[in-house]
């Protein structure tokens, strides 16, 4: 009875120990399973975060490629993306640390299983120990195991808390980046739409301009406008230096109407034609196909060459025999000239042989400036001719006036000579007899002696003031006069008769007569 009781007790103890061990192992496995589940969940979240991060990187790269011109506006987004990448790196480091800890937990679980196997293997050795164990001891151990499991669960939660917080922050950052991307995409879309609208407007305007230029009348008006602009830039005046759409006839009676007639300073004229075929050029610029464009440009070059032949056949220079034997073919655009010369490098030589000079706006302005300069030189030459004619006439008038002055001087000299002779006769003959009346006390009044006129009028010596320079007595340094001899420069000693002036009065002064 006692043996059966002991056996029953032993069996109960063994069953309780096995149940406790099974419970402990089940709890341990549950903890490991929870740890594995948490680890798998963390790994799944990390994998999802990585996928979201990869998607965010791809989206960010696309946004960068689309918004390359808006880098300044997306600087803040790139900074936040860099911070998100740094947070992801920190999260990766945290996950690596978590992986290390999970590996250590797995190792500890393996060690626990090994210890459990060792306990099972040594079960027989521990039967004596389990006999002395009481239910309170088993409960205490169970509580300790529960506490240990709770502590490990809390430790795992604390360990995964930063990972969850990092994932949450990463999600917030990705949400902010997505909002910025949407805003930038909206702005970029609006700007692209504005550019498209502007391009469409320019396309319509260009199409309208091309359509208008295909009309001969509009093309002619455009060429005339370019001609007028070039003439105005060359400082030429309309209806004075040039005429637009001037109709005239050649010497053979054929009527011509060039786009511009440039009047030259010598009475001649120069004709300018601006009727250039533009169809091939416009077709080339309307097409996106390189083959079609090249074919259209070839047609344009051939059309320009044909237009050169047509202008040469009109022979505008037949208007006047003195007109220069060439006509200026004006290309209203530098692009037209460049394309034409690109298709026909020898176009200038070919046109020159035909009597045609090809001019772009820049070369036409230079040509018209040369014509304007010739007008200025002609005006200066005309003014110089008028000045020369006026000077010649003035010189002739001065010569005539000089002759009059010379004759007047000679007459004045004769008058002075006659006056002095008359004065000498008056003082030497008449006044002497009259003063005798005063001595005889016939009268007390004194006779006033008239003065002698010594200065004579100057002779006209300037050859410009006489009709014949031979009328002027040559002087030293002018004409054919030579230096006088030394004897002519020395005055001989005067005689007594030379010292007496027969023009002076012979009677003494009146006060000497009164005193006597």
Protein backbone atom coordinates (compact mmCIF):
# COMPACT_ATOMS: atom_id res chain seq x y z
CA UNK A 1 0.00 0.00 0.00
CA UNK A 2 2.81 2.31 0.93
CA UNK A 3 4.71 1.30 -2.16
CA UNK A 4 1.74 1.98 -4.37
CA UNK A 5 1.23 5.28 -2.61
CA UNK A 6 4.87 6.16 -3.10
CA UNK A 7 4.66 5.08 -6.70
CA UNK A 8 1.52 7.12 -7.21
CA UNK A 9 3.16 10.07 -5.53
CA UNK A 10 6.27 9.59 -7.62
CA UNK A 11 4.20 9.30 -10.75
CA UNK A 12 2.30 12.44 -9.78
CA UNK A 13 5.56 14.25 -9.15
CA UNK A 14 6.91 13.09 -12.48
CA UNK A 15 3.72 14.07 -14.23
CA UNK A 16 3.77 17.49 -12.52
CA UNK A 17 7.43 17.95 -13.38
CA UNK A 18 6.75 16.94 -16.97
CA UNK A 19 3.77 19.26 -17.10
CA UNK A 20 5.84 22.08 -15.62
CA UNK A 21 8.65 21.36 -18.03
CA UNK A 22 6.19 21.20 -20.95
CA UNK A 23 4.57 24.43 -19.76
CA UNK A 24 7.99 26.05 -19.42
CA UNK A 25 9.02 24.82 -22.86
CA UNK A 26 5.69 25.95 -24.35
CA UNK A 27 6.11 29.39 -22.82
CA UNK A 28 9.68 29.50 -24.04
CA UNK A 29 8.58 28.52 -27.51
CA UNK A 30 5.75 31.04 -27.36
CA UNK A 31 8.25 33.74 -26.39
CA UNK A 32 10.57 32.68 -29.16
CA UNK A 33 7.61 32.61 -31.57
CA UNK A 34 6.54 36.07 -30.46
CA UNK A 35 10.11 37.28 -30.82
CA UNK A 36 10.24 35.70 -34.26
CA UNK A 37 6.89 37.25 -35.16
CA UNK A 38 8.04 40.66 -33.94
CA UNK A 39 11.28 40.19 -35.81
CA UNK A 40 9.45 39.16 -38.98
CA UNK A 41 7.05 42.05 -38.59
CA UNK A 42 9.99 44.41 -38.08
CA UNK A 43 11.71 42.90 -41.08
CA UNK A 44 8.52 43.26 -43.11
CA UNK A 45 8.18 46.89 -42.00
CA UNK A 46 11.84 47.48 -42.79
CA UNK A 47 11.39 45.80 -46.19
CA UNK A 48 8.28 47.88 -46.81
CA UNK A 49 10.17 50.97 -45.71
CA UNK A 50 12.98 50.04 -48.06
CA UNK A 51 10.56 49.54 -50.92
CA UNK A 52 8.88 52.83 -50.10
CA UNK A 53 12.29 54.46 -49.82
CA UNK A 54 13.32 52.96 -53.18
CA UNK A 55 10.06 54.16 -54.71
CA UNK A 56 10.65 57.55 -53.13
CA UNK A 57 14.16 57.64 -54.58
CA UNK A 58 12.86 56.73 -58.02
CA UNK A 59 10.11 59.34 -57.75
CA UNK A 60 12.60 61.91 -56.49
CA UNK A 61 14.93 61.13 -59.41
CA UNK A 62 12.07 61.56 -61.83
CA UNK A 63 11.08 64.81 -60.18
CA UNK A 64 14.68 65.97 -60.40
CA UNK A 65 14.87 65.16 -64.09
CA UNK A 66 11.58 66.91 -64.76
CA UNK A 67 12.31 69.93 -62.58
CA UNK A 68 15.93 70.48 -63.47
CA UNK A 69 15.24 74.12 -64.28
CA UNK A 70 13.55 74.50 -60.89
CA UNK A 71 16.47 73.36 -58.76
CA UNK A 72 16.39 76.51 -56.74
CA UNK A 73 12.74 75.82 -55.81
CA UNK A 74 13.38 72.17 -54.92
CA UNK A 75 16.44 72.80 -52.72
CA UNK A 76 14.35 72.41 -49.57
CA UNK A 77 12.85 69.15 -50.87
CA UNK A 78 16.30 67.76 -51.64
CA UNK A 79 17.47 68.76 -48.18
CA UNK A 80 14.53 66.94 -46.58
CA UNK A 81 15.17 63.95 -48.84
CA UNK A 82 18.79 63.91 -47.69
CA UNK A 83 17.58 64.01 -44.09
CA UNK A 84 15.21 61.10 -44.87
CA UNK A 85 18.11 59.18 -46.36
CA UNK A 86 20.14 59.89 -43.25
CA UNK A 87 17.21 58.72 -41.11
CA UNK A 88 16.97 55.62 -43.25
CA UNK A 89 20.69 55.02 -42.71
CA UNK A 90 20.16 55.39 -38.97
CA UNK A 91 17.20 53.01 -39.24
CA UNK A 92 19.36 50.54 -41.15
CA UNK A 93 21.96 50.73 -38.41
CA UNK A 94 19.24 50.20 -35.81
CA UNK A 95 17.88 47.25 -37.77
CA UNK A 96 21.37 45.80 -37.97
CA UNK A 97 21.69 46.10 -34.20
CA UNK A 98 18.25 44.50 -33.83
CA UNK A 99 19.30 41.69 -36.14
CA UNK A 100 22.36 41.14 -33.99
CA UNK A 101 20.21 40.98 -30.89
CA UNK A 102 17.76 38.60 -32.60
CA UNK A 103 20.66 36.38 -33.56
CA UNK A 104 21.78 36.38 -29.96
CA UNK A 105 18.20 35.52 -28.87
CA UNK A 106 18.11 32.63 -31.33
CA UNK A 107 21.40 31.45 -29.98
CA UNK A 108 20.07 31.66 -26.48
CA UNK A 109 16.94 29.71 -27.56
CA UNK A 110 19.13 27.00 -29.03
CA UNK A 111 21.09 26.91 -25.84
CA UNK A 112 17.82 26.69 -23.89
CA UNK A 113 16.67 23.79 -26.00
CA UNK A 114 20.01 22.12 -25.43
CA UNK A 115 19.61 22.62 -21.73
CA UNK A 116 16.07 21.24 -21.92
CA UNK A 117 17.36 18.18 -23.69
CA UNK A 118 20.02 17.85 -21.05
CA UNK A 119 17.34 18.15 -18.37
CA UNK A 120 15.27 15.46 -20.09
CA UNK A 121 18.34 13.29 -20.35
CA UNK A 122 19.09 13.81 -16.67
CA UNK A 123 15.45 13.41 -15.69
CA UNK A 124 16.16 10.36 -13.69
CA UNK A 125 18.87 12.17 -11.79
CA UNK A 126 16.54 14.96 -10.88
CA UNK A 127 13.70 12.74 -9.58
CA UNK A 128 15.02 12.97 -6.08
CA UNK A 129 15.17 16.71 -6.30
CA UNK A 130 11.59 16.92 -7.63
CA UNK A 131 10.43 14.81 -4.67
CA UNK A 132 11.41 17.50 -2.24
CA UNK A 133 9.89 20.24 -4.28
CA UNK A 134 6.56 21.48 -3.19
CA UNK A 135 3.78 23.01 -5.09
CA UNK A 136 4.76 26.46 -3.78
CA UNK A 137 8.24 26.03 -5.21
CA UNK A 138 6.81 25.07 -8.60
CA UNK A 139 4.46 28.05 -8.52
CA UNK A 140 7.33 30.36 -7.57
CA UNK A 141 9.37 29.06 -10.46
CA UNK A 142 6.38 29.48 -12.78
CA UNK A 143 5.92 33.06 -11.63
CA UNK A 144 9.62 33.71 -12.12
CA UNK A 145 9.39 32.26 -15.61
CA UNK A 146 6.36 34.47 -16.35
CA UNK A 147 8.18 37.53 -15.01
CA UNK A 148 11.23 36.65 -17.09
CA UNK A 149 9.06 36.26 -20.19
CA UNK A 150 7.30 39.58 -19.48
CA UNK A 151 10.67 41.27 -18.97
CA UNK A 152 11.92 39.89 -22.27
CA UNK A 153 8.73 41.02 -24.00
CA UNK A 154 9.13 44.53 -22.58
CA UNK A 155 12.80 44.54 -23.56
CA UNK A 156 11.84 43.50 -27.08
CA UNK A 157 9.18 46.22 -27.22
CA UNK A 158 11.71 48.79 -25.96
CA UNK A 159 14.19 47.53 -28.54
CA UNK A 160 11.67 47.81 -31.39
CA UNK A 161 10.30 51.17 -30.18
CA UNK A 162 13.06 53.30 -31.83
CA UNK A 163 12.66 51.25 -35.00
CA UNK A 164 8.92 51.98 -35.09
CA UNK A 165 9.57 55.66 -34.32
CA UNK A 166 12.15 55.85 -37.11
CA UNK A 167 9.72 54.22 -39.51
CA UNK A 168 7.03 56.68 -38.49
CA UNK A 169 9.39 59.65 -39.01
CA UNK A 170 10.44 58.21 -42.36
CA UNK A 171 6.79 57.90 -43.35
CA UNK A 172 6.19 61.53 -42.32
CA UNK A 173 9.21 62.67 -44.32
CA UNK A 174 8.10 60.70 -47.35
CA UNK A 175 4.61 62.20 -47.04
CA UNK A 176 6.09 65.73 -46.95
CA UNK A 177 8.33 64.96 -49.93
CA UNK A 178 5.34 63.61 -51.83
CA UNK A 179 3.38 66.79 -51.09
CA UNK A 180 6.29 68.93 -52.30
CA UNK A 181 6.62 66.75 -55.38
CA UNK A 182 2.93 67.14 -56.16
CA UNK A 183 3.20 70.93 -55.72
CA UNK A 184 6.30 71.10 -57.92
CA UNK A 185 4.69 68.85 -60.50
CA UNK A 186 1.63 71.11 -60.56
CA UNK A 187 3.79 74.21 -60.96
CA UNK A 188 5.86 72.52 -63.64
CA UNK A 189 2.71 71.40 -65.43
CA UNK A 190 1.35 74.96 -65.38
CA UNK A 191 4.60 76.35 -66.75
CA UNK A 192 4.76 73.69 -69.42
CA UNK A 193 1.19 74.52 -70.40
CA UNK A 194 2.11 78.22 -70.56
CA UNK A 195 5.12 77.41 -72.75
CA UNK A 196 2.92 75.25 -74.95
CA UNK A 197 0.38 78.05 -75.26
CA UNK A 198 3.13 80.54 -76.15
CA UNK A 199 4.63 78.13 -78.66
CA UNK A 200 1.22 77.53 -80.19
CA UNK A 201 0.65 81.29 -80.47
CA UNK A 202 4.06 81.76 -82.09
CA UNK A 203 3.35 78.85 -84.40
CA UNK A 204 0.07 80.42 -85.50
CA UNK A 205 1.72 83.80 -85.99
CA UNK A 206 4.58 82.22 -87.93
CA UNK A 207 2.14 80.26 -90.05
CA UNK A 208 0.16 83.43 -90.74
CA UNK A 209 3.38 85.27 -91.67
CA UNK A 210 4.52 82.44 -93.93
CA UNK A 211 1.09 82.30 -95.55
CA UNK A 212 1.18 86.05 -96.11
CA UNK A 213 4.70 85.93 -97.58
CA UNK A 214 3.56 83.35 -100.10
CA UNK A 215 1.36 86.04 -101.68
CA UNK A 216 3.29 88.05 -104.31
CA UNK A 217 1.72 91.37 -103.29
CA UNK A 218 2.57 90.93 -99.60
CA UNK A 219 6.05 89.68 -100.47
CA UNK A 220 6.56 92.72 -102.69
CA UNK A 221 5.38 95.09 -99.95
CA UNK A 222 7.73 93.41 -97.47
CA UNK A 223 10.65 93.79 -99.89
CA UNK A 224 9.80 97.48 -100.47
CA UNK A 225 9.59 98.06 -96.72
CA UNK A 226 13.02 96.50 -96.24
CA UNK A 227 14.35 98.70 -99.07
CA UNK A 228 12.97 101.84 -97.41
CA UNK A 229 14.45 100.84 -94.06
CA UNK A 230 17.86 100.29 -95.65
CA UNK A 231 17.66 103.67 -97.44
CA UNK A 232 16.67 105.46 -94.23
CA UNK A 233 19.54 103.80 -92.36
CA UNK A 234 21.85 105.09 -95.11
CA UNK A 235 20.55 108.67 -94.48
CA UNK A 236 18.93 108.93 -97.91
CA UNK A 237 15.75 110.92 -98.53
CA UNK A 238 12.83 109.61 -100.53
CA UNK A 239 11.92 111.42 -103.80
CA UNK A 240 15.30 113.17 -103.60
CA UNK A 241 17.94 110.45 -103.39
CA UNK A 242 15.71 107.49 -104.33
CA UNK A 243 12.24 106.64 -105.67
CA UNK A 244 10.12 103.54 -104.98
CA UNK A 245 8.12 101.82 -107.77
CA UNK A 246 9.37 104.33 -110.35
CA UNK A 247 8.02 103.57 -113.82
CA UNK A 248 10.22 104.40 -116.79
CA UNK A 249 11.03 103.18 -120.29
CA UNK A 250 14.20 101.92 -121.89
CA UNK A 251 15.78 103.42 -124.98
CA UNK A 252 13.99 100.74 -126.98
CA UNK A 253 10.59 101.83 -125.63
CA UNK A 254 10.06 98.92 -123.23
CA UNK A 255 8.37 99.85 -119.96
CA UNK A 256 10.04 98.86 -116.69
CA UNK A 257 9.08 99.37 -113.06
CA UNK A 258 11.94 98.60 -110.65
CA UNK A 259 11.29 98.43 -106.92
CA UNK A 260 13.73 101.28 -106.23
CA UNK A 261 15.55 103.81 -108.34
CA UNK A 262 18.62 105.28 -106.65
CA UNK A 263 19.55 108.67 -108.09
CA UNK A 264 23.29 109.22 -108.48
CA UNK A 265 24.97 112.59 -108.09
CA UNK A 266 26.01 112.85 -111.74
CA UNK A 267 22.44 112.55 -113.04
CA UNK A 268 22.59 108.81 -113.54
CA UNK A 269 20.55 106.21 -111.69
CA UNK A 270 20.90 102.75 -110.16
CA UNK A 271 18.05 100.22 -110.10
CA UNK A 272 17.28 97.84 -107.21
CA UNK A 273 14.93 94.84 -107.46
CA UNK A 274 13.56 93.04 -104.36
CA UNK A 275 11.25 90.44 -105.95
CA UNK A 276 12.91 87.28 -104.61
CA UNK A 277 11.17 83.85 -104.86
CA UNK A 278 10.57 82.62 -101.30
CA UNK A 279 8.47 79.48 -101.85
CA UNK A 280 11.35 77.02 -101.56
CA UNK A 281 12.78 78.77 -98.50
CA UNK A 282 9.40 78.80 -96.74
CA UNK A 283 8.74 75.15 -97.63
CA UNK A 284 12.11 74.18 -96.16
CA UNK A 285 11.36 75.87 -92.86
CA UNK A 286 7.85 74.41 -92.69
CA UNK A 287 9.06 70.81 -92.99
CA UNK A 288 10.57 68.64 -90.24
CA UNK A 289 11.94 66.06 -92.67
CA UNK A 290 15.61 66.60 -93.54
CA UNK A 291 15.17 65.19 -97.03
CA UNK A 292 12.22 67.44 -97.80
CA UNK A 293 14.07 70.43 -96.35
CA UNK A 294 17.15 69.81 -98.48
CA UNK A 295 15.04 69.41 -101.62
CA UNK A 296 13.15 72.66 -100.86
CA UNK A 297 16.43 74.56 -100.31
CA UNK A 298 17.74 73.22 -103.62
CA UNK A 299 14.60 74.56 -105.29
CA UNK A 300 15.17 77.90 -103.58
CA UNK A 301 18.76 78.11 -104.89
CA UNK A 302 17.59 77.23 -108.41
CA UNK A 303 14.81 79.86 -108.17
CA UNK A 304 17.32 82.55 -107.14
CA UNK A 305 19.54 81.62 -110.09
CA UNK A 306 16.53 81.78 -112.43
CA UNK A 307 15.59 85.20 -111.00
CA UNK A 308 19.12 86.41 -111.78
CA UNK A 309 18.60 85.36 -115.40
CA UNK A 310 15.22 87.14 -115.52
CA UNK A 311 16.67 90.40 -114.15
CA UNK A 312 19.55 90.22 -116.60
CA UNK A 313 17.09 89.79 -119.47
CA UNK A 314 15.16 92.95 -118.47
CA UNK A 315 18.27 95.13 -118.95
CA UNK A 316 17.30 97.97 -116.66
CA UNK A 317 20.51 99.78 -117.61
CA UNK A 318 19.07 100.39 -121.10
CA UNK A 319 17.16 103.40 -119.70
CA UNK A 320 20.17 105.62 -120.31
CA UNK A 321 23.48 105.08 -122.06
CA UNK A 322 25.28 106.55 -119.05
CA UNK A 323 23.53 104.33 -116.50
CA UNK A 324 25.82 101.71 -114.86
CA UNK A 325 25.41 98.36 -116.58
CA UNK A 326 24.33 96.40 -113.55
CA UNK A 327 21.21 95.95 -111.39
CA UNK A 328 21.14 95.31 -107.64
CA UNK A 329 19.13 92.19 -106.67
CA UNK A 330 18.13 92.75 -103.05
CA UNK A 331 17.59 89.78 -100.71
CA UNK A 332 15.49 91.20 -97.83
CA UNK A 333 17.02 88.89 -95.20
CA UNK A 334 20.53 87.79 -94.29
CA UNK A 335 19.18 84.24 -93.90
CA UNK A 336 17.99 84.27 -97.52
CA UNK A 337 21.42 85.37 -98.73
CA UNK A 338 23.16 82.75 -96.58
CA UNK A 339 20.94 79.91 -97.82
CA UNK A 340 21.27 81.01 -101.46
CA UNK A 341 25.08 81.21 -101.22
CA UNK A 342 25.13 77.91 -99.33
CA UNK A 343 23.34 76.20 -102.22
CA UNK A 344 25.28 78.09 -104.91
CA UNK A 345 28.77 79.13 -103.74
CA UNK A 346 29.47 80.72 -107.15
CA UNK A 347 26.25 82.77 -107.13
CA UNK A 348 28.09 86.13 -106.90
CA UNK A 349 30.35 85.29 -109.86
CA UNK A 350 27.43 84.00 -111.93
CA UNK A 351 25.33 87.10 -111.17
CA UNK A 352 28.26 89.43 -111.91
CA UNK A 353 28.66 87.91 -115.36
CA UNK A 354 24.96 88.61 -115.91
CA UNK A 355 25.26 92.24 -114.78
CA UNK A 356 23.54 91.57 -111.43
CA UNK A 357 24.91 92.51 -108.01
CA UNK A 358 23.41 90.47 -105.14
CA UNK A 359 22.98 92.51 -101.95
CA UNK A 360 21.78 91.57 -98.48
CA UNK A 361 20.49 94.28 -96.10
CA UNK A 362 23.98 94.94 -94.71
CA UNK A 363 25.66 95.21 -98.11
CA UNK A 364 22.81 97.31 -99.51
CA UNK A 365 23.15 99.76 -96.63
CA UNK A 366 26.88 100.01 -97.35
CA UNK A 367 26.16 100.59 -101.06
CA UNK A 368 23.55 103.28 -100.32
CA UNK A 369 25.89 104.96 -97.83
CA UNK A 370 28.48 105.11 -100.61
CA UNK A 371 25.91 106.74 -102.90
CA UNK A 372 24.96 109.19 -100.13
CA UNK A 373 28.65 110.01 -99.67
CA UNK A 374 28.96 110.68 -103.41
CA UNK A 375 26.00 113.09 -103.08
CA UNK A 376 27.85 114.90 -100.31
CA UNK A 377 31.02 115.07 -102.39
CA UNK A 378 29.02 116.34 -105.36
CA UNK A 379 27.43 119.03 -103.18
CA UNK A 380 30.87 120.03 -101.90
CA UNK A 381 32.22 120.17 -105.45
CA UNK A 382 29.24 122.30 -106.56
CA UNK A 383 29.78 124.66 -103.63
CA UNK A 384 33.49 124.87 -104.45
CA UNK A 385 32.65 125.72 -108.08
CA UNK A 386 30.23 128.43 -106.97
CA UNK A 387 32.84 129.83 -104.58
CA UNK A 388 35.43 129.84 -107.40
CA UNK A 389 33.01 131.64 -109.76
CA UNK A 390 32.14 134.15 -107.06
CA UNK A 391 35.83 134.72 -106.29
CA UNK A 392 36.64 135.21 -109.98
CA UNK A 393 33.79 137.73 -110.32
CA UNK A 394 34.84 139.52 -107.12
CA UNK A 395 38.44 139.65 -108.35
CA UNK A 396 37.31 141.24 -111.64
CA UNK A 397 35.18 143.76 -109.78
CA UNK A 398 38.06 144.59 -107.46
CA UNK A 399 40.28 145.19 -110.51
CA UNK A 400 37.69 147.54 -112.02
CA UNK A 401 37.27 149.36 -108.71
CA UNK A 402 41.08 149.61 -108.37
CA UNK A 403 41.25 151.31 -111.76
CA UNK A 404 38.66 153.81 -110.61
CA UNK A 405 40.65 154.45 -107.43
CA UNK A 406 43.84 154.91 -109.46
CA UNK A 407 42.21 157.43 -111.75
CA UNK A 408 40.73 159.25 -108.74
CA UNK A 409 44.17 159.35 -107.10
CA UNK A 410 45.78 160.77 -110.22
CA UNK A 411 43.07 163.41 -110.45
CA UNK A 412 43.54 164.29 -106.77
CA UNK A 413 47.30 164.52 -107.32
CA UNK A 414 46.75 166.89 -110.23
CA UNK A 415 44.35 168.98 -108.16
CA UNK A 416 46.85 169.20 -105.27
CA UNK A 417 49.66 170.15 -107.66
CA UNK A 418 47.51 172.84 -109.26
CA UNK A 419 46.49 174.07 -105.80
CA UNK A 420 50.09 174.32 -104.63
CA UNK A 421 51.12 176.16 -107.81
CA UNK A 422 48.21 178.56 -107.43
CA UNK A 423 49.13 179.05 -103.76
CA UNK A 424 52.74 179.85 -104.72
CA UNK A 425 51.59 182.38 -107.24
CA UNK A 426 49.19 183.88 -104.70
CA UNK A 427 51.82 184.24 -102.00
CA UNK A 428 54.64 185.37 -104.30
CA UNK A 429 52.76 187.79 -106.42
CA UNK A 430 49.28 188.77 -105.27
CA UNK A 431 49.67 188.87 -101.48
CA UNK A 432 52.89 190.92 -101.72
CA UNK A 433 51.06 193.68 -103.53
CA UNK A 434 48.11 193.48 -101.17
CA UNK A 435 50.36 193.83 -98.10
CA UNK A 436 51.74 197.04 -99.52
CA UNK A 437 48.25 198.48 -99.21
CA UNK A 438 48.47 197.64 -95.54
CA UNK A 439 51.78 199.50 -95.30
CA UNK A 440 50.18 202.52 -96.87
CA UNK A 441 47.55 202.41 -94.10
CA UNK A 442 44.81 201.79 -96.54
CA UNK A 443 43.47 199.13 -94.18
CA UNK A 444 44.45 197.55 -90.90
CA UNK A 445 43.11 194.09 -91.69
CA UNK A 446 45.64 191.37 -92.28
CA UNK A 447 45.37 188.86 -95.02
CA UNK A 448 45.34 185.24 -93.94
CA UNK A 449 47.78 183.12 -95.89
CA UNK A 450 46.21 179.86 -97.08
CA UNK A 451 48.01 176.68 -96.07
CA UNK A 452 50.00 174.46 -98.36
CA UNK A 453 48.75 170.94 -99.06
CA UNK A 454 51.80 168.69 -98.79
CA UNK A 455 50.38 165.08 -98.44
CA UNK A 456 49.55 163.54 -101.78
CA UNK A 457 47.11 160.67 -102.35
CA UNK A 458 48.74 157.19 -102.10
CA UNK A 459 49.18 155.35 -105.34
CA UNK A 460 47.27 152.11 -105.81
CA UNK A 461 50.01 149.46 -105.59
CA UNK A 462 48.03 146.21 -105.24
CA UNK A 463 47.92 144.37 -108.57
CA UNK A 464 44.52 143.00 -107.60
CA UNK A 465 43.06 146.55 -107.70
CA UNK A 466 44.25 147.48 -111.18
CA UNK A 467 43.21 146.07 -114.49
CA UNK A 468 46.81 145.90 -115.73
CA UNK A 469 49.63 145.21 -113.26
CA UNK A 470 52.05 147.08 -115.55
CA UNK A 471 50.36 150.33 -114.49
CA UNK A 472 51.93 149.96 -111.03
CA UNK A 473 55.51 151.10 -110.52
CA UNK A 474 57.49 147.98 -109.60
CA UNK A 475 58.86 147.89 -106.05
CA UNK A 476 61.59 145.83 -104.46
CA UNK A 477 60.31 142.36 -103.85
CA UNK A 478 57.50 142.66 -106.40
CA UNK A 479 57.59 142.39 -110.17
CA UNK A 480 60.83 142.72 -112.16
CA UNK A 481 62.40 145.63 -110.12
CA UNK A 482 66.05 145.29 -109.08
CA UNK A 483 68.06 146.83 -106.24
CA UNK A 484 69.15 150.51 -106.89
CA UNK A 485 72.80 151.43 -107.36
CA UNK A 486 74.79 152.97 -104.51
CA UNK A 487 75.00 156.37 -106.32
CA UNK A 488 71.22 156.52 -106.34
CA UNK A 489 71.09 156.09 -102.58
CA UNK A 490 73.53 159.09 -101.88
CA UNK A 491 72.09 162.62 -102.19
CA UNK A 492 74.55 165.16 -103.67
CA UNK A 493 75.35 168.46 -101.95
CA UNK A 494 72.59 170.99 -102.72
CA UNK A 495 73.31 174.29 -104.46
CA UNK A 496 72.23 177.70 -103.19
CA UNK A 497 69.33 177.84 -105.59
CA UNK A 498 68.21 174.45 -104.39
CA UNK A 499 68.08 175.66 -100.80
CA UNK A 500 65.81 178.64 -101.69
CA UNK A 501 62.13 177.79 -102.00
CA UNK A 502 60.50 179.92 -104.61
CA UNK A 503 57.12 179.13 -103.11
CA UNK A 504 57.90 180.93 -99.81
CA UNK A 505 57.01 184.66 -99.40
CA UNK A 506 59.90 187.10 -99.99
CA UNK A 507 58.73 189.84 -97.58
CA UNK A 508 59.46 189.60 -93.85
CA UNK A 509 56.75 188.78 -91.40
CA UNK A 510 54.21 191.43 -90.55
CA UNK A 511 55.40 192.00 -86.98
CA UNK A 512 58.89 192.83 -88.29
CA UNK A 513 57.34 195.31 -90.68
CA UNK A 514 55.41 196.99 -87.90
CA UNK A 515 58.46 197.30 -85.75
CA UNK A 516 60.39 198.91 -88.58
